[in-house]
């Protein structure tokens, strides 16, 4: 028997912005699919136009840049994926890959458009969710030029812990397996730099790490470190 869906969707996600009645109608319109860890839900460059709604689990969004896979985002329960191709009918701009077991509801382009026409406020909610993603991406691009790598990494870890963190006895464990190369591509730094910063954070009791696992032990301290280089100079001496 399949476990029930989450009682609450991730804050800021598309489903979290809809009424319970709209959510129920939308999910009943589509077909539920299950994905094992590491399996792609969508492929960059694919001409398909369907839209998927994540109802359980986490998904990594990656693009290829000069043959290198770059992690550009993480999607959580309640998020839409593939909506840009569903609206523009252009090939997929990124690949979406399951992190752990994932359940999604797949909507045809026609059914998705029909829902948006029936509920214009839902279209505004989608625009707000997409706008939030663009804001996040713009901030990351600005930080590439304005801040050193250690501050960029601290800010990204705070954002990911906030959206994907699960409370544990140790702290806030990021539920998505993240490798050092993935973190490096996300903040535009070398893998060696990421390794050094993670070690400093770990030695100062701010995070704990395991194989592809990060637990934020002191979120206020991590957030403070992401606010400016003065705090980093104090931390690293």
Protein backbone atom coordinates (compact mmCIF):
# COMPACT_ATOMS: atom_id res chain seq x y z
CA UNK A 1 0.00 0.00 0.00
CA UNK A 2 1.37 3.39 -1.01
CA UNK A 3 2.05 5.83 1.85
CA UNK A 4 -0.17 8.93 1.98
CA UNK A 5 0.93 12.15 0.38
CA UNK A 6 2.52 14.84 2.55
CA UNK A 7 -0.11 16.83 4.51
CA UNK A 8 1.73 20.03 3.66
CA UNK A 9 3.64 20.99 0.57
CA UNK A 10 7.02 22.71 0.67
CA UNK A 11 6.63 26.45 1.43
CA UNK A 12 6.68 28.53 -1.74
CA UNK A 13 6.03 25.56 -4.02
CA UNK A 14 3.31 25.65 -6.67
CA UNK A 15 0.92 23.36 -4.79
CA UNK A 16 1.44 25.30 -1.56
CA UNK A 17 0.06 28.37 -3.35
CA UNK A 18 -3.17 26.63 -4.44
CA UNK A 19 -6.36 25.94 -2.52
CA UNK A 20 -6.90 22.35 -1.28
CA UNK A 21 -9.72 21.98 -3.81
CA UNK A 22 -7.49 23.06 -6.68
CA UNK A 23 -4.72 20.72 -5.56
CA UNK A 24 -7.12 17.77 -5.39
CA UNK A 25 -8.54 18.49 -8.84
CA UNK A 26 -5.11 18.95 -10.41
CA UNK A 27 -3.67 15.74 -8.98
CA UNK A 28 -6.72 13.76 -10.10
CA UNK A 29 -6.22 15.05 -13.63
CA UNK A 30 -2.83 13.43 -14.06
CA UNK A 31 -1.24 9.98 -13.83
CA UNK A 32 1.02 9.07 -10.93
CA UNK A 33 4.51 7.82 -11.78
CA UNK A 34 7.24 6.41 -9.52
CA UNK A 35 10.98 6.83 -10.04
CA UNK A 36 13.86 4.99 -8.43
CA UNK A 37 16.97 6.85 -7.23
CA UNK A 38 19.08 8.20 -10.09
CA UNK A 39 16.39 7.83 -12.73
CA UNK A 40 15.71 10.88 -14.92
CA UNK A 41 12.18 12.30 -14.98
CA UNK A 42 13.00 14.71 -17.81
CA UNK A 43 15.93 15.02 -20.21
CA UNK A 44 17.60 18.21 -21.45
CA UNK A 45 16.84 18.68 -25.15
CA UNK A 46 13.87 16.30 -25.17
CA UNK A 47 10.93 17.61 -27.26
CA UNK A 48 8.19 16.30 -24.92
CA UNK A 49 5.70 18.85 -23.57
CA UNK A 50 4.06 17.15 -20.56
CA UNK A 51 4.31 18.72 -17.09
CA UNK A 52 5.12 16.91 -13.84
CA UNK A 53 4.20 17.77 -10.26
CA UNK A 54 6.42 16.39 -7.52
CA UNK A 55 4.31 14.90 -4.76
CA UNK A 56 7.03 13.00 -2.89
CA UNK A 57 10.82 13.21 -2.81
CA UNK A 58 13.48 15.51 -4.24
CA UNK A 59 14.79 16.09 -7.74
CA UNK A 60 18.08 17.56 -8.96
CA UNK A 61 17.99 19.93 -11.92
CA UNK A 62 21.13 19.86 -14.07
CA UNK A 63 22.34 21.29 -17.37
CA UNK A 64 25.32 20.48 -19.56
CA UNK A 65 27.89 23.25 -20.00
CA UNK A 66 30.78 22.37 -22.31
CA UNK A 67 30.17 18.71 -21.56
CA UNK A 68 30.18 19.23 -17.78
CA UNK A 69 27.06 18.51 -15.75
CA UNK A 70 26.17 21.56 -13.66
CA UNK A 71 23.72 21.42 -10.76
CA UNK A 72 21.45 24.45 -11.03
CA UNK A 73 18.65 23.66 -8.61
CA UNK A 74 16.73 21.24 -6.45
CA UNK A 75 12.98 20.71 -6.65
CA UNK A 76 10.89 19.54 -3.73
CA UNK A 77 7.42 18.21 -2.95
CA UNK A 78 4.80 20.50 -4.44
CA UNK A 79 7.03 21.87 -7.20
CA UNK A 80 6.32 21.86 -10.90
CA UNK A 81 8.94 20.59 -13.31
CA UNK A 82 8.83 20.82 -17.07
CA UNK A 83 6.37 23.69 -17.08
CA UNK A 84 8.51 25.87 -19.38
CA UNK A 85 8.43 23.30 -22.18
CA UNK A 86 4.75 22.77 -21.43
CA UNK A 87 4.12 26.44 -22.11
CA UNK A 88 6.66 27.25 -24.84
CA UNK A 89 6.68 23.91 -26.70
CA UNK A 90 10.47 24.22 -26.95
CA UNK A 91 12.86 21.37 -26.01
CA UNK A 92 13.58 20.75 -22.35
CA UNK A 93 16.14 23.19 -20.97
CA UNK A 94 17.43 20.89 -18.21
CA UNK A 95 17.50 17.32 -16.91
CA UNK A 96 15.55 16.37 -13.77
CA UNK A 97 16.89 13.35 -11.85
CA UNK A 98 15.37 11.60 -8.84
CA UNK A 99 17.23 11.89 -5.54
CA UNK A 100 16.00 8.84 -3.70
CA UNK A 101 12.55 7.52 -4.50
CA UNK A 102 10.31 10.07 -6.15
CA UNK A 103 6.61 10.18 -6.98
CA UNK A 104 5.22 12.63 -9.52
CA UNK A 105 1.90 13.29 -11.20
CA UNK A 106 2.23 13.65 -14.96
CA UNK A 107 -0.11 16.03 -16.77
CA UNK A 108 -0.52 16.32 -20.51
CA UNK A 109 0.09 19.75 -21.93
CA UNK A 110 -3.61 20.04 -22.84
CA UNK A 111 -4.81 19.18 -19.31
CA UNK A 112 -2.32 21.58 -17.75
CA UNK A 113 -3.43 24.42 -20.03
CA UNK A 114 -7.07 23.61 -19.33
CA UNK A 115 -6.46 23.85 -15.58
CA UNK A 116 -4.72 27.22 -15.91
CA UNK A 117 -7.54 28.59 -18.06
CA UNK A 118 -10.11 27.43 -15.55
CA UNK A 119 -8.21 28.93 -12.60
CA UNK A 120 -6.42 32.12 -13.69
CA UNK A 121 -5.19 32.60 -10.13
CA UNK A 122 -3.32 29.31 -10.48
CA UNK A 123 -1.48 30.75 -13.46
CA UNK A 124 -0.43 33.67 -11.26
CA UNK A 125 0.70 31.20 -8.59
CA UNK A 126 2.81 29.39 -11.16
CA UNK A 127 4.31 32.69 -12.31
CA UNK A 128 5.15 33.54 -8.69
CA UNK A 129 6.86 30.17 -8.17
CA UNK A 130 8.84 30.54 -11.41
CA UNK A 131 9.73 34.09 -10.44
CA UNK A 132 11.12 32.87 -7.13
CA UNK A 133 13.35 30.40 -8.95
CA UNK A 134 14.61 33.12 -11.28
CA UNK A 135 15.29 35.38 -8.31
CA UNK A 136 17.32 32.62 -6.66
CA UNK A 137 19.29 31.99 -9.85
CA UNK A 138 19.95 35.71 -10.32
CA UNK A 139 21.21 36.00 -6.76
CA UNK A 140 23.61 33.12 -7.32
CA UNK A 141 24.94 34.74 -10.50
CA UNK A 142 25.41 38.06 -8.69
CA UNK A 143 27.22 36.34 -5.84
CA UNK A 144 29.72 34.80 -8.27
CA UNK A 145 31.17 38.26 -8.85
CA UNK A 146 30.44 39.90 -5.50
CA UNK A 147 31.47 37.33 -2.88
CA UNK A 148 34.22 34.75 -2.30
CA UNK A 149 33.47 31.06 -2.64
CA UNK A 150 33.12 30.41 1.09
CA UNK A 151 30.28 32.91 1.42
CA UNK A 152 28.58 31.57 -1.70
CA UNK A 153 28.74 28.03 -0.33
CA UNK A 154 27.38 29.08 3.08
CA UNK A 155 24.41 30.81 1.41
CA UNK A 156 23.64 27.84 -0.84
CA UNK A 157 23.80 25.44 2.10
CA UNK A 158 21.39 27.64 4.06
CA UNK A 159 18.95 27.72 1.14
CA UNK A 160 19.13 23.95 0.57
CA UNK A 161 18.83 23.18 4.28
CA UNK A 162 15.78 25.43 4.48
CA UNK A 163 14.01 23.74 1.57
CA UNK A 164 15.30 20.15 1.87
CA UNK A 165 16.33 19.84 5.50
CA UNK A 166 14.88 17.17 7.77
CA UNK A 167 15.13 17.64 11.56
CA UNK A 168 17.27 15.01 13.25
CA UNK A 169 18.97 14.65 16.62
CA UNK A 170 22.13 16.14 15.12
CA UNK A 171 20.49 19.13 13.48
CA UNK A 172 18.99 19.76 10.05
CA UNK A 173 20.02 16.97 7.68
CA UNK A 174 19.88 17.83 3.99
CA UNK A 175 17.75 15.07 2.48
CA UNK A 176 19.40 15.32 -0.94
CA UNK A 177 22.70 13.52 -1.51
CA UNK A 178 25.11 16.22 -2.67
CA UNK A 179 28.64 15.56 -3.88
CA UNK A 180 31.48 18.06 -3.61
CA UNK A 181 31.68 18.38 -7.43
CA UNK A 182 27.95 19.22 -7.53
CA UNK A 183 28.35 21.89 -4.86
CA UNK A 184 31.36 23.24 -6.72
CA UNK A 185 29.42 23.65 -9.98
CA UNK A 186 26.51 25.22 -8.13
CA UNK A 187 28.64 28.01 -6.64
CA UNK A 188 31.17 28.36 -9.45
CA UNK A 189 34.20 27.22 -7.43
CA UNK A 190 36.77 24.45 -7.55
CA UNK A 191 36.19 21.13 -5.84
CA UNK A 192 39.28 21.76 -3.70
CA UNK A 193 37.79 25.03 -2.45
CA UNK A 194 34.51 23.33 -1.52
CA UNK A 195 36.41 20.59 0.29
CA UNK A 196 38.39 23.20 2.27
CA UNK A 197 35.32 25.22 3.26
CA UNK A 198 33.37 22.12 4.31
CA UNK A 199 36.31 21.05 6.45
CA UNK A 200 36.41 24.46 8.16
CA UNK A 201 32.68 24.37 8.82
CA UNK A 202 32.94 20.85 10.18
CA UNK A 203 35.91 21.65 12.44
CA UNK A 204 34.00 24.60 13.90
CA UNK A 205 30.94 22.50 14.71
CA UNK A 206 28.65 24.22 12.20
CA UNK A 207 28.02 21.17 10.02
CA UNK A 208 28.61 17.43 10.09
CA UNK A 209 29.34 15.49 6.96
CA UNK A 210 29.18 11.90 5.78
CA UNK A 211 29.25 10.26 2.38
CA UNK A 212 27.20 12.64 0.18
CA UNK A 213 25.42 13.80 3.34
CA UNK A 214 25.47 17.15 5.14
CA UNK A 215 23.83 17.98 8.45
CA UNK A 216 23.61 21.62 9.49
CA UNK A 217 24.22 21.63 13.24
CA UNK A 218 24.14 25.41 13.74
CA UNK A 219 21.90 27.07 11.14
CA UNK A 220 22.11 30.60 12.67
CA UNK A 221 25.91 30.43 12.59
CA UNK A 222 25.90 29.22 8.97
CA UNK A 223 23.51 32.00 8.01
CA UNK A 224 25.69 34.55 9.79
CA UNK A 225 28.77 33.33 7.95
CA UNK A 226 26.96 33.80 4.66
CA UNK A 227 26.34 37.46 5.43
CA UNK A 228 29.90 38.68 5.06
CA UNK A 229 33.61 37.95 4.92
CA UNK A 230 34.35 39.47 8.34
CA UNK A 231 32.75 36.49 10.04
CA UNK A 232 34.78 34.15 7.84
CA UNK A 233 38.05 35.84 8.82
CA UNK A 234 37.12 35.32 12.47
CA UNK A 235 36.28 31.67 11.81
CA UNK A 236 39.40 30.77 9.85
CA UNK A 237 41.85 33.04 11.61
